Amino acid sequence: MTSLAIESHGKPEIINSDQGSQYTCQTWEKACEGIRMSMDGRRRCLDNVWIERFWRTIKREYVYINPTDNVKELREGIKNYIEYYNTERPHQGIEHQIPMTKYAKIAA
């Protein structure tokens, strides 16, 4: 999904993540070459509250209410949810605006 996001929107200046194994493996590091990484300290969820909040939201609003044993189905569902999260879902932290709408205003 990171590769797809980079292809669609270009490389960001920074990526926020926790220290989960998926963010410390060589495949991830290669995919993120040239991008500054912001990673929280071990067992320090307050170091990177934005990514922790994102994962809480995706779990509550999608994963827990759409249980499946099918990995392909889960990946596709999460991909669709992230698209919704960025292009349709209002966010309290940005005055109930949609992230892509807010980004477009800033970028203009």
PDB file of N, CA and C in Angstrom:
ATOM      1  N   MET A   1       0.810  -1.188   0.000  1.00  0.00           N
ATOM      2  CA  MET A   1       0.000   0.000   0.000  1.00  0.00           C
ATOM      3  C   MET A   1       0.855   1.254   0.000  1.00  0.00           C
ATOM      4  N   THR A   2       1.997   1.208   0.675  1.00  0.00           N
ATOM      5  CA  THR A   2       2.883   2.365   0.700  1.00  0.00           C
ATOM      6  C   THR A   2       3.363   2.680  -0.705  1.00  0.00           C
ATOM      7  N   SER A   3       3.733   1.659  -1.461  1.00  0.00           N
ATOM      8  CA  SER A   3       4.192   1.870  -2.835  1.00  0.00           C
ATOM      9  C   SER A   3       3.097   2.507  -3.673  1.00  0.00           C
ATOM     10  N   LEU A   4       1.867   2.041  -3.510  1.00  0.00           N
ATOM     11  CA  LEU A   4       0.736   2.593  -4.249  1.00  0.00           C
ATOM     12  C   LEU A   4       0.514   4.056  -3.873  1.00  0.00           C
ATOM     13  N   ALA A   5       0.599   4.365  -2.591  1.00  0.00           N
ATOM     14  CA  ALA A   5       0.428   5.750  -2.137  1.00  0.00           C
ATOM     15  C   ALA A   5       1.520   6.649  -2.708  1.00  0.00           C
ATOM     16  N   ILE A   6       2.747   6.170  -2.708  1.00  0.00           N
ATOM     17  CA  ILE A   6       3.860   6.961  -3.243  1.00  0.00           C
ATOM     18  C   ILE A   6       3.701   7.156  -4.751  1.00  0.00           C
ATOM     19  N   GLU A   7       3.281   6.104  -5.458  1.00  0.00           N
ATOM     20  CA  GLU A   7       3.047   6.229  -6.899  1.00  0.00           C
ATOM     21  C   GLU A   7       1.946   7.238  -7.194  1.00  0.00           C
ATOM     22  N   SER A   8       0.895   7.233  -6.393  1.00  0.00           N
ATOM     23  CA  SER A   8      -0.251   8.110  -6.626  1.00  0.00           C
ATOM     24  C   SER A   8      -0.005   9.551  -6.213  1.00  0.00           C
ATOM     25  N   HIS A   9       0.723   9.743  -5.109  1.00  0.00           N
ATOM     26  CA  HIS A   9       0.826  11.080  -4.521  1.00  0.00           C
ATOM     27  C   HIS A   9       2.250  11.606  -4.399  1.00  0.00           C
ATOM     28  N   GLY A  10       3.237  10.813  -4.777  1.00  0.00           N
ATOM     29  CA  GLY A  10       4.627  11.225  -4.639  1.00  0.00           C
ATOM     30  C   GLY A  10       5.159  10.926  -3.248  1.00  0.00           C
ATOM     31  N   LYS A  11       6.472  11.054  -3.091  1.00  0.00           N
ATOM     32  CA  LYS A  11       7.103  10.760  -1.800  1.00  0.00           C
ATOM     33  C   LYS A  11       6.827  11.873  -0.800  1.00  0.00           C
ATOM     34  N   PRO A  12       6.412  11.513   0.405  1.00  0.00           N
ATOM     35  CA  PRO A  12       6.253  12.529   1.442  1.00  0.00           C
ATOM     36  C   PRO A  12       7.620  12.891   2.019  1.00  0.00           C
ATOM     37  N   GLU A  13       7.682  13.987   2.742  1.00  0.00           N
ATOM     38  CA  GLU A  13       8.932  14.361   3.401  1.00  0.00           C
ATOM     39  C   GLU A  13       9.220  13.438   4.575  1.00  0.00           C
ATOM     40  N   ILE A  14       8.143  12.980   5.248  1.00  0.00           N
ATOM     41  CA  ILE A  14       8.303  12.200   6.476  1.00  0.00           C
ATOM     42  C   ILE A  14       7.183  11.175   6.575  1.00  0.00           C
ATOM     43  N   ILE A  15       7.479  10.025   7.169  1.00  0.00           N
ATOM     44  CA  ILE A  15       6.476   9.002   7.473  1.00  0.00           C
ATOM     45  C   ILE A  15       6.537   8.733   8.968  1.00  0.00           C
ATOM     46  N   ASN A  16       5.371   8.787   9.627  1.00  0.00           N
ATOM     47  CA  ASN A  16       5.270   8.468  11.053  1.00  0.00           C
ATOM     48  C   ASN A  16       4.894   7.002  11.202  1.00  0.00           C
ATOM     49  N   SER A  17       5.545   6.298  12.110  1.00  0.00           N
ATOM     50  CA  SER A  17       5.198   4.901  12.366  1.00  0.00           C
ATOM     51  C   SER A  17       5.567   4.530  13.796  1.00  0.00           C
ATOM     52  N   ASP A  18       5.090   3.364  14.194  1.00  0.00           N
ATOM     53  CA  ASP A  18       5.527   2.831  15.479  1.00  0.00           C
ATOM     54  C   ASP A  18       6.690   1.873  15.209  1.00  0.00           C
ATOM     55  N   GLN A  19       7.075   1.077  16.195  1.00  0.00           N
ATOM     56  CA  GLN A  19       8.207   0.170  16.004  1.00  0.00           C
ATOM     57  C   GLN A  19       7.771  -1.264  15.730  1.00  0.00           C
ATOM     58  N   GLY A  20       6.601  -1.415  15.133  1.00  0.00           N
ATOM     59  CA  GLY A  20       6.150  -2.740  14.756  1.00  0.00           C
ATOM     60  C   GLY A  20       7.097  -3.364  13.743  1.00  0.00           C
ATOM     61  N   SER A  21       7.101  -4.693  13.679  1.00  0.00           N
ATOM     62  CA  SER A  21       8.049  -5.392  12.807  1.00  0.00           C
ATOM     63  C   SER A  21       7.898  -4.994  11.343  1.00  0.00           C
ATOM     64  N   GLN A  22       6.672  -4.655  10.928  1.00  0.00           N
ATOM     65  CA  GLN A  22       6.482  -4.262   9.530  1.00  0.00           C
ATOM     66  C   GLN A  22       7.193  -2.957   9.195  1.00  0.00           C
ATOM     67  N   TYR A  23       7.477  -2.115  10.196  1.00  0.00           N
ATOM     68  CA  TYR A  23       8.139  -0.829   9.954  1.00  0.00           C
ATOM     69  C   TYR A  23       9.643  -0.870  10.200  1.00  0.00           C
ATOM     70  N   THR A  24      10.157  -2.013  10.592  1.00  0.00           N
ATOM     71  CA  THR A  24      11.596  -2.126  10.832  1.00  0.00           C
ATOM     72  C   THR A  24      12.253  -3.161   9.913  1.00  0.00           C
ATOM     73  N   CYS A  25      11.471  -3.767   9.022  1.00  0.00           N
ATOM     74  CA  CYS A  25      12.036  -4.779   8.118  1.00  0.00           C
ATOM     75  C   CYS A  25      12.703  -4.116   6.909  1.00  0.00           C
ATOM     76  N   GLN A  26      13.554  -4.866   6.239  1.00  0.00           N
ATOM     77  CA  GLN A  26      14.305  -4.344   5.089  1.00  0.00           C
ATOM     78  C   GLN A  26      13.394  -3.946   3.930  1.00  0.00           C
ATOM     79  N   THR A  27      12.306  -4.672   3.724  1.00  0.00           N
ATOM     80  CA  THR A  27      11.387  -4.351   2.630  1.00  0.00           C
ATOM     81  C   THR A  27      10.802  -2.957   2.818  1.00  0.00           C
ATOM     82  N   TRP A  28      10.374  -2.664   4.048  1.00  0.00           N
ATOM     83  CA  TRP A  28       9.814  -1.341   4.366  1.00  0.00           C
ATOM     84  C   TRP A  28      10.883  -0.263   4.197  1.00  0.00           C
ATOM     85  N   GLU A  29      12.060  -0.521   4.732  1.00  0.00           N
ATOM     86  CA  GLU A  29      13.135   0.468   4.641  1.00  0.00           C
ATOM     87  C   GLU A  29      13.480   0.770   3.186  1.00  0.00           C
ATOM     88  N   LYS A  30      13.487  -0.256   2.333  1.00  0.00           N
ATOM     89  CA  LYS A  30      13.784  -0.046   0.911  1.00  0.00           C
ATOM     90  C   LYS A  30      12.671   0.769   0.254  1.00  0.00           C
ATOM     91  N   ALA A  31      11.424   0.469   0.580  1.00  0.00           N
ATOM     92  CA  ALA A  31      10.291   1.203   0.005  1.00  0.00           C
ATOM     93  C   ALA A  31      10.310   2.675   0.408  1.00  0.00           C
ATOM     94  N   CYS A  32      10.925   2.969   1.544  1.00  0.00           N
ATOM     95  CA  CYS A  32      10.924   4.334   2.078  1.00  0.00           C
ATOM     96  C   CYS A  32      12.254   5.058   1.906  1.00  0.00           C
ATOM     97  N   GLU A  33      13.099   4.568   1.006  1.00  0.00           N
ATOM     98  CA  GLU A  33      14.387   5.229   0.770  1.00  0.00           C
ATOM     99  C   GLU A  33      14.154   6.683   0.381  1.00  0.00           C
ATOM    100  N   GLY A  34      14.923   7.580   0.990  1.00  0.00           N
ATOM    101  CA  GLY A  34      14.816   8.999   0.684  1.00  0.00           C
ATOM    102  C   GLY A  34      13.724   9.724   1.444  1.00  0.00           C
ATOM    103  N   ILE A  35      13.019   9.014   2.324  1.00  0.00           N
ATOM    104  CA  ILE A  35      11.958   9.612   3.128  1.00  0.00           C
ATOM    105  C   ILE A  35      12.403   9.599   4.586  1.00  0.00           C
ATOM    106  N   ARG A  36      12.264  10.719   5.267  1.00  0.00           N
ATOM    107  CA  ARG A  36      12.626  10.782   6.685  1.00  0.00           C
ATOM    108  C   ARG A  36      11.604   9.987   7.502  1.00  0.00           C
ATOM    109  N   MET A  37      12.103   9.193   8.434  1.00  0.00           N
ATOM    110  CA  MET A  37      11.241   8.354   9.264  1.00  0.00           C
ATOM    111  C   MET A  37      11.088   8.963  10.650  1.00  0.00           C
ATOM    112  N   SER A  38       9.873   8.958  11.156  1.00  0.00           N
ATOM    113  CA  SER A  38       9.588   9.381  12.521  1.00  0.00           C
ATOM    114  C   SER A  38       9.022   8.162  13.235  1.00  0.00           C
ATOM    115  N   MET A  39       9.758   7.642  14.188  1.00  0.00           N
ATOM    116  CA  MET A  39       9.363   6.411  14.862  1.00  0.00           C
ATOM    117  C   MET A  39       9.354   6.649  16.359  1.00  0.00           C
ATOM    118  N   ASP A  40       8.293   6.193  17.005  1.00  0.00           N
ATOM    119  CA  ASP A  40       8.207   6.381  18.451  1.00  0.00           C
ATOM    120  C   ASP A  40       9.178   5.470  19.188  1.00  0.00           C
ATOM    121  N   GLY A  41       9.430   5.783  20.442  1.00  0.00           N
ATOM    122  CA  GLY A  41      10.268   4.936  21.284  1.00  0.00           C
ATOM    123  C   GLY A  41       9.521   3.681  21.693  1.00  0.00           C
ATOM    124  N   ARG A  42      10.229   2.688  22.108  1.00  0.00           N
ATOM    125  CA  ARG A  42       9.589   1.439  22.542  1.00  0.00           C
ATOM    126  C   ARG A  42       8.656   1.704  23.719  1.00  0.00           C
ATOM    127  N   ARG A  43       7.439   1.144  23.568  1.00  0.00           N
ATOM    128  CA  ARG A  43       6.404   1.270  24.601  1.00  0.00           C
ATOM    129  C   ARG A  43       6.117   2.730  24.955  1.00  0.00           C
ATOM    130  N   ARG A  44       6.222   3.605  23.968  1.00  0.00           N
ATOM    131  CA  ARG A  44       5.990   5.035  24.188  1.00  0.00           C
ATOM    132  C   ARG A  44       4.944   5.523  23.192  1.00  0.00           C
ATOM    133  N   CYS A  45       3.695   5.142  23.387  1.00  0.00           N
ATOM    134  CA  CYS A  45       2.658   5.507  22.424  1.00  0.00           C
ATOM    135  C   CYS A  45       2.479   7.020  22.312  1.00  0.00           C
ATOM    136  N   LEU A  46       2.848   7.777  23.337  1.00  0.00           N
ATOM    137  CA  LEU A  46       2.679   9.228  23.281  1.00  0.00           C
ATOM    138  C   LEU A  46       3.712   9.902  22.397  1.00  0.00           C
ATOM    139  N   ASP A  47       4.787   9.198  22.036  1.00  0.00           N
ATOM    140  CA  ASP A  47       5.798   9.772  21.152  1.00  0.00           C
ATOM    141  C   ASP A  47       5.256   9.990  19.739  1.00  0.00           C
ATOM    142  N   ASN A  48       4.284   9.221  19.349  1.00  0.00           N
ATOM    143  CA  ASN A  48       3.774   9.288  17.982  1.00  0.00           C
ATOM    144  C   ASN A  48       2.254   9.142  18.004  1.00  0.00           C
ATOM    145  N   VAL A  49       1.604  10.078  18.665  1.00  0.00           N
ATOM    146  CA  VAL A  49       0.168   9.966  18.907  1.00  0.00           C
ATOM    147  C   VAL A  49      -0.656   9.905  17.631  1.00  0.00           C
ATOM    148  N   TRP A  50      -0.189  10.538  16.546  1.00  0.00           N
ATOM    149  CA  TRP A  50      -0.990  10.567  15.325  1.00  0.00           C
ATOM    150  C   TRP A  50      -1.137   9.174  14.720  1.00  0.00           C
ATOM    151  N   ILE A  51      -0.054   8.428  14.632  1.00  0.00           N
ATOM    152  CA  ILE A  51      -0.147   7.096  14.040  1.00  0.00           C
ATOM    153  C   ILE A  51      -0.874   6.135  14.989  1.00  0.00           C
ATOM    154  N   GLU A  52      -0.677   6.316  16.296  1.00  0.00           N
ATOM    155  CA  GLU A  52      -1.404   5.486  17.264  1.00  0.00           C
ATOM    156  C   GLU A  52      -2.906   5.744  17.152  1.00  0.00           C
ATOM    157  N   ARG A  53      -3.291   7.006  16.995  1.00  0.00           N
ATOM    158  CA  ARG A  53      -4.703   7.353  16.840  1.00  0.00           C
ATOM    159  C   ARG A  53      -5.255   6.774  15.539  1.00  0.00           C
ATOM    160  N   PHE A  54      -4.481   6.838  14.464  1.00  0.00           N
ATOM    161  CA  PHE A  54      -4.918   6.273  13.191  1.00  0.00           C
ATOM    162  C   PHE A  54      -5.218   4.783  13.341  1.00  0.00           C
ATOM    163  N   TRP A  55      -4.295   4.030  13.969  1.00  0.00           N
ATOM    164  CA  TRP A  55      -4.513   2.592  14.116  1.00  0.00           C
ATOM    165  C   TRP A  55      -5.687   2.294  15.034  1.00  0.00           C
ATOM    166  N   ARG A  56      -5.891   3.104  16.062  1.00  0.00           N
ATOM    167  CA  ARG A  56      -7.067   2.916  16.918  1.00  0.00           C
ATOM    168  C   ARG A  56      -8.337   3.110  16.096  1.00  0.00           C
ATOM    169  N   THR A  57      -8.347   4.168  15.286  1.00  0.00           N
ATOM    170  CA  THR A  57      -9.521   4.469  14.465  1.00  0.00           C
ATOM    171  C   THR A  57      -9.795   3.368  13.451  1.00  0.00           C
ATOM    172  N   ILE A  58      -8.782   2.918  12.745  1.00  0.00           N
ATOM    173  CA  ILE A  58      -9.000   1.891  11.719  1.00  0.00           C
ATOM    174  C   ILE A  58      -9.484   0.582  12.359  1.00  0.00           C
ATOM    175  N   LYS A  59      -8.970   0.272  13.534  1.00  0.00           N
ATOM    176  CA  LYS A  59      -9.433  -0.940  14.224  1.00  0.00           C
ATOM    177  C   LYS A  59     -10.889  -0.805  14.637  1.00  0.00           C
ATOM    178  N   ARG A  60     -11.254   0.320  15.252  1.00  0.00           N
ATOM    179  CA  ARG A  60     -12.627   0.511  15.733  1.00  0.00           C
ATOM    180  C   ARG A  60     -13.638   0.669  14.611  1.00  0.00           C
ATOM    181  N   GLU A  61     -13.262   1.394  13.571  1.00  0.00           N
ATOM    182  CA  GLU A  61     -14.224   1.705  12.520  1.00  0.00           C
ATOM    183  C   GLU A  61     -14.259   0.673  11.393  1.00  0.00           C
ATOM    184  N   TYR A  62     -13.239  -0.187  11.315  1.00  0.00           N
ATOM    185  CA  TYR A  62     -13.268  -1.182  10.248  1.00  0.00           C
ATOM    186  C   TYR A  62     -12.972  -2.603  10.728  1.00  0.00           C
ATOM    187  N   VAL A  63     -11.807  -2.835  11.270  1.00  0.00           N
ATOM    188  CA  VAL A  63     -11.356  -4.201  11.557  1.00  0.00           C
ATOM    189  C   VAL A  63     -12.297  -4.933  12.516  1.00  0.00           C
ATOM    190  N   TYR A  64     -12.641  -4.319  13.647  1.00  0.00           N
ATOM    191  CA  TYR A  64     -13.450  -5.009  14.653  1.00  0.00           C
ATOM    192  C   TYR A  64     -14.874  -5.287  14.184  1.00  0.00           C
ATOM    193  N   ILE A  65     -15.388  -4.458  13.279  1.00  0.00           N
ATOM    194  CA  ILE A  65     -16.774  -4.666  12.835  1.00  0.00           C
ATOM    195  C   ILE A  65     -16.863  -5.450  11.520  1.00  0.00           C
ATOM    196  N   ASN A  66     -15.723  -5.821  10.967  1.00  0.00           N
ATOM    197  CA  ASN A  66     -15.675  -6.621   9.735  1.00  0.00           C
ATOM    198  C   ASN A  66     -14.714  -7.797   9.894  1.00  0.00           C
ATOM    199  N   PRO A  67     -14.985  -8.691  10.849  1.00  0.00           N
ATOM    200  CA  PRO A  67     -14.041  -9.791  11.079  1.00  0.00           C
ATOM    201  C   PRO A  67     -13.967 -10.731   9.869  1.00  0.00           C
ATOM    202  N   THR A  68     -12.763 -11.211   9.606  1.00  0.00           N
ATOM    203  CA  THR A  68     -12.557 -12.161   8.511  1.00  0.00           C
ATOM    204  C   THR A  68     -11.305 -12.984   8.788  1.00  0.00           C
ATOM    205  N   ASP A  69     -11.282 -14.189   8.273  1.00  0.00           N
ATOM    206  CA  ASP A  69     -10.087 -15.034   8.348  1.00  0.00           C
ATOM    207  C   ASP A  69      -9.325 -15.004   7.029  1.00  0.00           C
ATOM    208  N   ASN A  70      -9.839 -14.271   6.067  1.00  0.00           N
ATOM    209  CA  ASN A  70      -9.260 -14.207   4.734  1.00  0.00           C
ATOM    210  C   ASN A  70      -8.329 -12.996   4.638  1.00  0.00           C
ATOM    211  N   VAL A  71      -7.028 -13.238   4.535  1.00  0.00           N
ATOM    212  CA  VAL A  71      -6.031 -12.158   4.527  1.00  0.00           C
ATOM    213  C   VAL A  71      -6.223 -11.238   3.324  1.00  0.00           C
ATOM    214  N   LYS A  72      -6.479 -11.811   2.163  1.00  0.00           N
ATOM    215  CA  LYS A  72      -6.684 -10.996   0.958  1.00  0.00           C
ATOM    216  C   LYS A  72      -7.882 -10.060   1.139  1.00  0.00           C
ATOM    217  N   GLU A  73      -8.949 -10.592   1.683  1.00  0.00           N
ATOM    218  CA  GLU A  73     -10.155  -9.797   1.934  1.00  0.00           C
ATOM    219  C   GLU A  73      -9.872  -8.683   2.952  1.00  0.00           C
ATOM    220  N   LEU A  74      -9.117  -9.001   3.993  1.00  0.00           N
ATOM    221  CA  LEU A  74      -8.764  -8.004   5.005  1.00  0.00           C
ATOM    222  C   LEU A  74      -7.918  -6.891   4.399  1.00  0.00           C
ATOM    223  N   ARG A  75      -6.918  -7.260   3.616  1.00  0.00           N
ATOM    224  CA  ARG A  75      -6.062  -6.246   2.970  1.00  0.00           C
ATOM    225  C   ARG A  75      -6.871  -5.328   2.064  1.00  0.00           C
ATOM    226  N   GLU A  76      -7.739  -5.904   1.269  1.00  0.00           N
ATOM    227  CA  GLU A  76      -8.565  -5.104   0.360  1.00  0.00           C
ATOM    228  C   GLU A  76      -9.501  -4.188   1.151  1.00  0.00           C
ATOM    229  N   GLY A  77     -10.079  -4.719   2.222  1.00  0.00           N
ATOM    230  CA  GLY A  77     -10.958  -3.909   3.061  1.00  0.00           C
ATOM    231  C   GLY A  77     -10.222  -2.750   3.715  1.00  0.00           C
ATOM    232  N   ILE A  78      -9.026  -3.010   4.218  1.00  0.00           N
ATOM    233  CA  ILE A  78      -8.234  -1.945   4.848  1.00  0.00           C
ATOM    234  C   ILE A  78      -7.818  -0.918   3.797  1.00  0.00           C
ATOM    235  N   LYS A  79      -7.434  -1.380   2.624  1.00  0.00           N
ATOM    236  CA  LYS A  79      -7.083  -0.455   1.532  1.00  0.00           C
ATOM    237  C   LYS A  79      -8.266   0.466   1.228  1.00  0.00           C
ATOM    238  N   ASN A  80      -9.462  -0.096   1.115  1.00  0.00           N
ATOM    239  CA  ASN A  80     -10.656   0.704   0.845  1.00  0.00           C
ATOM    240  C   ASN A  80     -10.973   1.651   1.998  1.00  0.00           C
ATOM    241  N   TYR A  81     -10.786   1.177   3.229  1.00  0.00           N
ATOM    242  CA  TYR A  81     -11.045   2.040   4.381  1.00  0.00           C
ATOM    243  C   TYR A  81     -10.081   3.228   4.393  1.00  0.00           C
ATOM    244  N   ILE A  82      -8.807   2.997   4.104  1.00  0.00           N
ATOM    245  CA  ILE A  82      -7.825   4.088   4.090  1.00  0.00           C
ATOM    246  C   ILE A  82      -8.193   5.111   3.016  1.00  0.00           C
ATOM    247  N   GLU A  83      -8.651   4.650   1.877  1.00  0.00           N
ATOM    248  CA  GLU A  83      -9.119   5.570   0.825  1.00  0.00           C
ATOM    249  C   GLU A  83     -10.281   6.416   1.358  1.00  0.00           C
ATOM    250  N   TYR A  84     -11.246   5.764   1.990  1.00  0.00           N
ATOM    251  CA  TYR A  84     -12.375   6.476   2.608  1.00  0.00           C
ATOM    252  C   TYR A  84     -11.881   7.454   3.674  1.00  0.00           C
ATOM    253  N   TYR A  85     -10.981   7.011   4.518  1.00  0.00           N
ATOM    254  CA  TYR A  85     -10.433   7.814   5.618  1.00  0.00           C
ATOM    255  C   TYR A  85      -9.809   9.107   5.098  1.00  0.00           C
ATOM    256  N   ASN A  86      -9.129   9.025   3.978  1.00  0.00           N
ATOM    257  CA  ASN A  86      -8.437  10.192   3.423  1.00  0.00           C
ATOM    258  C   ASN A  86      -9.286  11.051   2.493  1.00  0.00           C
ATOM    259  N   THR A  87     -10.318  10.473   1.875  1.00  0.00           N
ATOM    260  CA  THR A  87     -11.054  11.217   0.845  1.00  0.00           C
ATOM    261  C   THR A  87     -12.513  11.511   1.168  1.00  0.00           C
ATOM    262  N   GLU A  88     -13.071  10.874   2.204  1.00  0.00           N
ATOM    263  CA  GLU A  88     -14.490  11.087   2.509  1.00  0.00           C
ATOM    264  C   GLU A  88     -14.780  11.366   3.979  1.00  0.00           C
ATOM    265  N   ARG A  89     -13.977  10.857   4.881  1.00  0.00           N
ATOM    266  CA  ARG A  89     -14.270  10.919   6.315  1.00  0.00           C
ATOM    267  C   ARG A  89     -13.826  12.252   6.919  1.00  0.00           C
ATOM    268  N   PRO A  90     -14.771  13.019   7.507  1.00  0.00           N
ATOM    269  CA  PRO A  90     -14.382  14.253   8.199  1.00  0.00           C
ATOM    270  C   PRO A  90     -13.527  13.930   9.429  1.00  0.00           C
ATOM    271  N   HIS A  91     -12.561  14.796   9.721  1.00  0.00           N
ATOM    272  CA  HIS A  91     -11.656  14.602  10.846  1.00  0.00           C
ATOM    273  C   HIS A  91     -11.808  15.741  11.843  1.00  0.00           C
ATOM    274  N   GLN A  92     -12.065  15.393  13.083  1.00  0.00           N
ATOM    275  CA  GLN A  92     -12.244  16.379  14.136  1.00  0.00           C
ATOM    276  C   GLN A  92     -11.020  17.282  14.275  1.00  0.00           C
ATOM    277  N   GLY A  93      -9.827  16.722  14.166  1.00  0.00           N
ATOM    278  CA  GLY A  93      -8.589  17.469  14.366  1.00  0.00           C
ATOM    279  C   GLY A  93      -8.317  18.544  13.319  1.00  0.00           C
ATOM    280  N   ILE A  94      -9.022  18.491  12.198  1.00  0.00           N
ATOM    281  CA  ILE A  94      -8.870  19.529  11.170  1.00  0.00           C
ATOM    282  C   ILE A  94     -10.232  20.184  10.905  1.00  0.00           C
ATOM    283  N   GLU A  95     -10.920  20.482  11.993  1.00  0.00           N
ATOM    284  CA  GLU A  95     -12.198  21.207  11.958  1.00  0.00           C
ATOM    285  C   GLU A  95     -13.254  20.500  11.113  1.00  0.00           C
ATOM    286  N   HIS A  96     -13.321  19.198  11.243  1.00  0.00           N
ATOM    287  CA  HIS A  96     -14.297  18.343  10.554  1.00  0.00           C
ATOM    288  C   HIS A  96     -14.203  18.433   9.034  1.00  0.00           C
ATOM    289  N   GLN A  97     -13.012  18.740   8.542  1.00  0.00           N
ATOM    290  CA  GLN A  97     -12.775  18.730   7.099  1.00  0.00           C
ATOM    291  C   GLN A  97     -12.281  17.345   6.687  1.00  0.00           C
ATOM    292  N   ILE A  98     -12.316  17.098   5.402  1.00  0.00           N
ATOM    293  CA  ILE A  98     -11.801  15.851   4.835  1.00  0.00           C
ATOM    294  C   ILE A  98     -10.328  16.080   4.496  1.00  0.00           C
ATOM    295  N   PRO A  99      -9.433  15.153   4.864  1.00  0.00           N
ATOM    296  CA  PRO A  99      -8.003  15.378   4.646  1.00  0.00           C
ATOM    297  C   PRO A  99      -7.627  15.808   3.227  1.00  0.00           C
ATOM    298  N   MET A 100      -8.143  15.154   2.212  1.00  0.00           N
ATOM    299  CA  MET A 100      -7.766  15.523   0.844  1.00  0.00           C
ATOM    300  C   MET A 100      -8.259  16.925   0.490  1.00  0.00           C
ATOM    301  N   THR A 101      -9.407  17.319   1.023  1.00  0.00           N
ATOM    302  CA  THR A 101      -9.918  18.672   0.797  1.00  0.00           C
ATOM    303  C   THR A 101      -9.009  19.686   1.476  1.00  0.00           C
ATOM    304  N   LYS A 102      -8.630  19.397   2.699  1.00  0.00           N
ATOM    305  CA  LYS A 102      -7.725  20.277   3.447  1.00  0.00           C
ATOM    306  C   LYS A 102      -6.373  20.363   2.736  1.00  0.00           C
ATOM    307  N   TYR A 103      -5.853  19.239   2.298  1.00  0.00           N
ATOM    308  CA  TYR A 103      -4.568  19.206   1.595  1.00  0.00           C
ATOM    309  C   TYR A 103      -4.636  20.036   0.311  1.00  0.00           C
ATOM    310  N   ALA A 104      -5.735  19.886  -0.434  1.00  0.00           N
ATOM    311  CA  ALA A 104      -5.886  20.625  -1.692  1.00  0.00           C
ATOM    312  C   ALA A 104      -5.892  22.130  -1.440  1.00  0.00           C
ATOM    313  N   LYS A 105      -6.519  22.565  -0.352  1.00  0.00           N
ATOM    314  CA  LYS A 105      -6.547  23.995  -0.014  1.00  0.00           C
ATOM    315  C   LYS A 105      -5.145  24.497   0.318  1.00  0.00           C
ATOM    316  N   ILE A 106      -4.398  23.701   1.056  1.00  0.00           N
ATOM    317  CA  ILE A 106      -3.039  24.093   1.449  1.00  0.00           C
ATOM    318  C   ILE A 106      -2.120  24.108   0.228  1.00  0.00           C
ATOM    319  N   ALA A 107      -2.266  23.110  -0.635  1.00  0.00           N
ATOM    320  CA  ALA A 107      -1.389  22.970  -1.796  1.00  0.00           C
ATOM    321  C   ALA A 107      -1.666  24.022  -2.877  1.00  0.00           C
ATOM    322  N   ALA A 108      -2.870  24.582  -2.867  1.00  0.00           N
ATOM    323  CA  ALA A 108      -3.249  25.562  -3.916  1.00  0.00           C
ATOM    324  C   ALA A 108      -2.536  26.889  -3.753  1.00  0.00           C
TER     325      ALA A 108
END
